[in-house]
Amino acid sequence: MLETVWIILNSPAVVTGMVSLVIFIVNRLYAKKPIWRQYEGLFTQAVKMAEKAIPDGCENKSFRRLDEALKYVNRVLAAYNIKATGAEVLNGIEIIHAEQEQSGNLTK
């Protein structure tokens, strides 16, 4: 009995089916991008606008820039009825800011 089950499980049709199922599951997981990757341009624009809007010499410039970027992203997402949690938006802004800073794109 076990030998028959083993032969069936190792048949080309069953192996192909299992591999197809694994590929399907991996593709579904990969296709679900975080919101900030779906709207990466928006987040990049928000970071750059906040850098220009808040001068370097002001008090609490980092917090003010973050606040400015958050307000902009939230306004745009709300205008298009796109649902996102605050953590998703904050995470996206932080990651995009780090990427932009590392690449040197935040110079004025």
N, C-alpha and C. Protein backbone atom coordinates (compact mmCIF):
# COMPACT_ATOMS: atom_id res chain seq x y z
N MET A 1 0.82 -1.19 0.00
CA MET A 1 0.00 0.00 0.00
C MET A 1 0.86 1.26 0.00
N LEU A 2 1.83 1.36 0.93
CA LEU A 2 2.71 2.52 0.98
C LEU A 2 3.55 2.64 -0.28
N GLU A 3 3.91 1.50 -0.83
CA GLU A 3 4.71 1.51 -2.06
C GLU A 3 3.91 2.10 -3.22
N THR A 4 2.64 1.80 -3.29
CA THR A 4 1.77 2.34 -4.33
C THR A 4 1.60 3.84 -4.17
N VAL A 5 1.40 4.30 -2.95
CA VAL A 5 1.27 5.73 -2.68
C VAL A 5 2.57 6.45 -3.06
N TRP A 6 3.70 5.84 -2.72
CA TRP A 6 5.00 6.44 -3.04
C TRP A 6 5.20 6.54 -4.55
N ILE A 7 4.81 5.54 -5.28
CA ILE A 7 4.93 5.55 -6.74
C ILE A 7 4.04 6.64 -7.33
N ILE A 8 2.83 6.78 -6.81
CA ILE A 8 1.91 7.81 -7.31
C ILE A 8 2.47 9.21 -7.01
N LEU A 9 2.97 9.42 -5.79
CA LEU A 9 3.52 10.73 -5.43
C LEU A 9 4.75 11.10 -6.25
N ASN A 10 5.48 10.13 -6.72
CA ASN A 10 6.67 10.39 -7.52
C ASN A 10 6.41 10.37 -9.01
N SER A 11 5.15 10.28 -9.39
CA SER A 11 4.83 10.31 -10.82
C SER A 11 5.05 11.72 -11.37
N PRO A 12 5.38 11.84 -12.65
CA PRO A 12 5.64 13.16 -13.24
C PRO A 12 4.46 14.12 -13.10
N ALA A 13 3.24 13.64 -13.20
CA ALA A 13 2.07 14.52 -13.10
C ALA A 13 1.94 15.12 -11.70
N VAL A 14 2.13 14.32 -10.66
CA VAL A 14 2.01 14.80 -9.29
C VAL A 14 3.16 15.75 -8.95
N VAL A 15 4.38 15.42 -9.37
CA VAL A 15 5.52 16.29 -9.11
C VAL A 15 5.33 17.63 -9.81
N THR A 16 4.85 17.61 -11.06
CA THR A 16 4.58 18.85 -11.80
C THR A 16 3.51 19.66 -11.09
N GLY A 17 2.48 19.01 -10.61
CA GLY A 17 1.42 19.70 -9.88
C GLY A 17 1.92 20.36 -8.61
N MET A 18 2.76 19.66 -7.85
CA MET A 18 3.29 20.22 -6.61
C MET A 18 4.22 21.40 -6.90
N VAL A 19 5.06 21.29 -7.91
CA VAL A 19 5.95 22.40 -8.27
C VAL A 19 5.13 23.60 -8.74
N SER A 20 4.09 23.36 -9.52
CA SER A 20 3.22 24.44 -9.99
C SER A 20 2.54 25.14 -8.82
N LEU A 21 2.10 24.39 -7.84
CA LEU A 21 1.47 24.96 -6.66
C LEU A 21 2.45 25.83 -5.87
N VAL A 22 3.66 25.37 -5.70
CA VAL A 22 4.67 26.15 -4.99
C VAL A 22 4.98 27.44 -5.75
N ILE A 23 5.12 27.37 -7.06
CA ILE A 23 5.38 28.56 -7.87
C ILE A 23 4.21 29.53 -7.78
N PHE A 24 2.99 29.03 -7.81
CA PHE A 24 1.81 29.87 -7.70
C PHE A 24 1.80 30.61 -6.36
N ILE A 25 2.08 29.91 -5.28
CA ILE A 25 2.08 30.52 -3.95
C ILE A 25 3.18 31.58 -3.84
N VAL A 26 4.37 31.28 -4.34
CA VAL A 26 5.47 32.25 -4.29
C VAL A 26 5.12 33.50 -5.11
N ASN A 27 4.52 33.32 -6.27
CA ASN A 27 4.13 34.47 -7.09
C ASN A 27 3.08 35.32 -6.41
N ARG A 28 2.14 34.71 -5.73
CA ARG A 28 1.11 35.48 -5.01
C ARG A 28 1.74 36.30 -3.87
N LEU A 29 2.68 35.70 -3.17
CA LEU A 29 3.35 36.42 -2.09
C LEU A 29 4.21 37.55 -2.64
N TYR A 30 4.89 37.33 -3.75
CA TYR A 30 5.76 38.35 -4.33
C TYR A 30 4.95 39.51 -4.92
N ALA A 31 3.79 39.21 -5.46
CA ALA A 31 2.97 40.25 -6.10
C ALA A 31 2.39 41.22 -5.08
N LYS A 32 2.25 40.83 -3.85
CA LYS A 32 1.69 41.71 -2.82
C LYS A 32 2.79 42.61 -2.27
N LYS A 33 2.94 43.77 -2.90
CA LYS A 33 3.97 44.73 -2.50
C LYS A 33 3.45 45.62 -1.40
N PRO A 34 4.34 46.13 -0.56
CA PRO A 34 3.90 47.12 0.42
C PRO A 34 3.42 48.38 -0.29
N ILE A 35 2.57 49.14 0.36
CA ILE A 35 1.96 50.32 -0.27
C ILE A 35 3.01 51.31 -0.73
N TRP A 36 4.09 51.45 0.01
CA TRP A 36 5.09 52.44 -0.38
C TRP A 36 5.86 52.01 -1.60
N ARG A 37 5.90 50.73 -1.92
CA ARG A 37 6.54 50.28 -3.16
C ARG A 37 5.58 50.48 -4.34
N GLN A 38 4.29 50.34 -4.09
CA GLN A 38 3.31 50.56 -5.15
C GLN A 38 3.28 52.02 -5.57
N TYR A 39 3.48 52.91 -4.62
CA TYR A 39 3.42 54.35 -4.87
C TYR A 39 4.77 54.99 -4.53
N GLU A 40 5.83 54.38 -4.98
CA GLU A 40 7.19 54.82 -4.64
C GLU A 40 7.45 56.26 -5.11
N GLY A 41 6.93 56.62 -6.25
CA GLY A 41 7.12 57.98 -6.76
C GLY A 41 6.51 59.02 -5.85
N LEU A 42 5.33 58.73 -5.33
CA LEU A 42 4.66 59.63 -4.39
C LEU A 42 5.50 59.83 -3.14
N PHE A 43 6.02 58.75 -2.60
CA PHE A 43 6.81 58.84 -1.38
C PHE A 43 8.12 59.58 -1.64
N THR A 44 8.73 59.34 -2.79
CA THR A 44 9.96 60.05 -3.14
C THR A 44 9.70 61.54 -3.27
N GLN A 45 8.61 61.89 -3.92
CA GLN A 45 8.24 63.29 -4.08
C GLN A 45 7.99 63.93 -2.72
N ALA A 46 7.32 63.24 -1.83
CA ALA A 46 7.04 63.79 -0.50
C ALA A 46 8.32 64.05 0.27
N VAL A 47 9.26 63.13 0.19
CA VAL A 47 10.53 63.30 0.90
C VAL A 47 11.29 64.51 0.34
N LYS A 48 11.35 64.61 -0.97
CA LYS A 48 12.08 65.72 -1.59
C LYS A 48 11.40 67.06 -1.32
N MET A 49 10.08 67.10 -1.35
CA MET A 49 9.36 68.34 -1.07
C MET A 49 9.59 68.78 0.38
N ALA A 50 9.58 67.83 1.29
CA ALA A 50 9.80 68.17 2.70
C ALA A 50 11.21 68.69 2.92
N GLU A 51 12.19 68.12 2.22
CA GLU A 51 13.57 68.59 2.34
C GLU A 51 13.69 70.03 1.88
N LYS A 52 12.97 70.40 0.84
CA LYS A 52 13.04 71.77 0.31
C LYS A 52 12.19 72.74 1.14
N ALA A 53 11.08 72.27 1.69
CA ALA A 53 10.16 73.15 2.41
C ALA A 53 10.69 73.57 3.77
N ILE A 54 11.41 72.70 4.44
CA ILE A 54 11.90 72.98 5.79
C ILE A 54 13.40 73.29 5.70
N PRO A 55 13.82 74.49 6.06
CA PRO A 55 15.24 74.87 5.96
C PRO A 55 16.12 74.09 6.93
N ASP A 56 17.40 74.02 6.60
CA ASP A 56 18.36 73.28 7.43
C ASP A 56 18.55 73.87 8.81
N GLY A 57 18.48 75.17 8.95
CA GLY A 57 18.80 75.81 10.21
C GLY A 57 17.67 75.87 11.23
N CYS A 58 16.50 75.35 10.89
CA CYS A 58 15.37 75.49 11.81
C CYS A 58 15.44 74.46 12.94
N GLU A 59 14.67 74.74 13.98
CA GLU A 59 14.62 73.87 15.14
C GLU A 59 13.80 72.62 14.81
N ASN A 60 14.23 71.47 15.28
CA ASN A 60 13.55 70.18 15.06
C ASN A 60 13.30 69.91 13.58
N LYS A 61 14.30 70.14 12.76
CA LYS A 61 14.10 70.03 11.31
C LYS A 61 13.72 68.61 10.89
N SER A 62 14.27 67.59 11.51
CA SER A 62 13.96 66.21 11.13
C SER A 62 12.50 65.89 11.37
N PHE A 63 12.00 66.28 12.55
CA PHE A 63 10.60 66.01 12.86
C PHE A 63 9.67 66.83 11.97
N ARG A 64 10.04 68.05 11.70
CA ARG A 64 9.21 68.90 10.85
C ARG A 64 9.18 68.38 9.42
N ARG A 65 10.32 67.88 8.93
CA ARG A 65 10.36 67.32 7.57
C ARG A 65 9.53 66.04 7.50
N LEU A 66 9.66 65.20 8.51
CA LEU A 66 8.86 63.98 8.55
C LEU A 66 7.38 64.32 8.59
N ASP A 67 7.01 65.29 9.41
CA ASP A 67 5.61 65.71 9.50
C ASP A 67 5.10 66.23 8.16
N GLU A 68 5.92 67.02 7.49
CA GLU A 68 5.54 67.57 6.18
C GLU A 68 5.34 66.45 5.16
N ALA A 69 6.25 65.49 5.13
CA ALA A 69 6.13 64.37 4.20
C ALA A 69 4.90 63.52 4.52
N LEU A 70 4.65 63.25 5.80
CA LEU A 70 3.48 62.47 6.21
C LEU A 70 2.18 63.16 5.79
N LYS A 71 2.11 64.46 6.01
CA LYS A 71 0.91 65.21 5.64
C LYS A 71 0.66 65.13 4.14
N TYR A 72 1.72 65.29 3.36
CA TYR A 72 1.58 65.26 1.90
C TYR A 72 1.10 63.88 1.42
N VAL A 73 1.75 62.83 1.89
CA VAL A 73 1.37 61.47 1.47
C VAL A 73 -0.06 61.17 1.88
N ASN A 74 -0.43 61.52 3.11
CA ASN A 74 -1.79 61.25 3.58
C ASN A 74 -2.83 62.02 2.77
N ARG A 75 -2.52 63.27 2.40
CA ARG A 75 -3.46 64.06 1.58
C ARG A 75 -3.68 63.39 0.22
N VAL A 76 -2.60 62.97 -0.41
CA VAL A 76 -2.72 62.36 -1.74
C VAL A 76 -3.44 61.02 -1.66
N LEU A 77 -3.08 60.19 -0.70
CA LEU A 77 -3.74 58.89 -0.55
C LEU A 77 -5.23 59.06 -0.27
N ALA A 78 -5.57 60.03 0.57
CA ALA A 78 -6.98 60.28 0.87
C ALA A 78 -7.73 60.80 -0.35
N ALA A 79 -7.09 61.61 -1.16
CA ALA A 79 -7.73 62.14 -2.36
C ALA A 79 -8.10 61.03 -3.34
N TYR A 80 -7.31 59.97 -3.36
CA TYR A 80 -7.58 58.85 -4.26
C TYR A 80 -8.22 57.66 -3.56
N ASN A 81 -8.66 57.84 -2.33
CA ASN A 81 -9.30 56.79 -1.53
C ASN A 81 -8.44 55.52 -1.43
N ILE A 82 -7.16 55.71 -1.20
CA ILE A 82 -6.24 54.59 -1.04
C ILE A 82 -6.05 54.36 0.45
N LYS A 83 -6.31 53.16 0.90
CA LYS A 83 -6.22 52.82 2.32
C LYS A 83 -4.79 52.42 2.67
N ALA A 84 -4.27 53.03 3.72
CA ALA A 84 -2.94 52.69 4.22
C ALA A 84 -2.89 53.00 5.70
N THR A 85 -2.20 52.17 6.44
CA THR A 85 -2.05 52.44 7.86
C THR A 85 -0.94 53.45 8.07
N GLY A 86 -0.95 54.09 9.22
CA GLY A 86 0.09 55.05 9.54
C GLY A 86 1.47 54.41 9.56
N ALA A 87 1.54 53.18 10.03
CA ALA A 87 2.82 52.48 10.09
C ALA A 87 3.36 52.22 8.68
N GLU A 88 2.48 51.86 7.75
CA GLU A 88 2.92 51.63 6.37
C GLU A 88 3.48 52.90 5.75
N VAL A 89 2.79 54.00 5.97
CA VAL A 89 3.22 55.28 5.40
C VAL A 89 4.54 55.72 6.04
N LEU A 90 4.62 55.65 7.35
CA LEU A 90 5.84 56.05 8.05
C LEU A 90 7.01 55.18 7.63
N ASN A 91 6.80 53.89 7.54
CA ASN A 91 7.85 52.96 7.13
C ASN A 91 8.33 53.30 5.72
N GLY A 92 7.39 53.58 4.83
CA GLY A 92 7.76 53.92 3.46
C GLY A 92 8.57 55.19 3.38
N ILE A 93 8.16 56.21 4.12
CA ILE A 93 8.89 57.47 4.11
C ILE A 93 10.30 57.28 4.65
N GLU A 94 10.43 56.51 5.72
CA GLU A 94 11.75 56.28 6.29
C GLU A 94 12.66 55.54 5.32
N ILE A 95 12.13 54.53 4.66
CA ILE A 95 12.94 53.74 3.72
C ILE A 95 13.31 54.57 2.50
N ILE A 96 12.34 55.29 1.94
CA ILE A 96 12.62 56.12 0.77
C ILE A 96 13.62 57.21 1.12
N HIS A 97 13.48 57.82 2.30
CA HIS A 97 14.43 58.86 2.72
C HIS A 97 15.84 58.28 2.81
N ALA A 98 15.96 57.12 3.41
CA ALA A 98 17.28 56.49 3.54
C ALA A 98 17.86 56.17 2.16
N GLU A 99 17.05 55.67 1.25
CA GLU A 99 17.52 55.36 -0.10
C GLU A 99 17.97 56.63 -0.83
N GLN A 100 17.17 57.70 -0.71
CA GLN A 100 17.50 58.96 -1.37
C GLN A 100 18.76 59.58 -0.77
N GLU A 101 18.89 59.52 0.52
CA GLU A 101 20.06 60.08 1.19
C GLU A 101 21.32 59.32 0.80
N GLN A 102 21.20 58.00 0.74
CA GLN A 102 22.35 57.18 0.40
C GLN A 102 22.80 57.40 -1.05
N SER A 103 21.85 57.63 -1.94
CA SER A 103 22.19 57.83 -3.34
C SER A 103 22.62 59.28 -3.63
N GLY A 104 22.47 60.16 -2.65
CA GLY A 104 22.87 61.55 -2.82
C GLY A 104 21.85 62.41 -3.54
N ASN A 105 20.61 61.97 -3.60
CA ASN A 105 19.56 62.71 -4.31
C ASN A 105 18.84 63.75 -3.47
N LEU A 106 19.27 63.96 -2.25
CA LEU A 106 18.57 64.92 -1.39
C LEU A 106 19.30 66.26 -1.31
N THR A 107 20.21 66.50 -2.21
CA THR A 107 20.89 67.80 -2.21
C THR A 107 19.96 68.84 -2.83
N LYS A 108 20.06 70.04 -2.35
CA LYS A 108 19.15 71.10 -2.78
C LYS A 108 19.56 71.76 -4.04
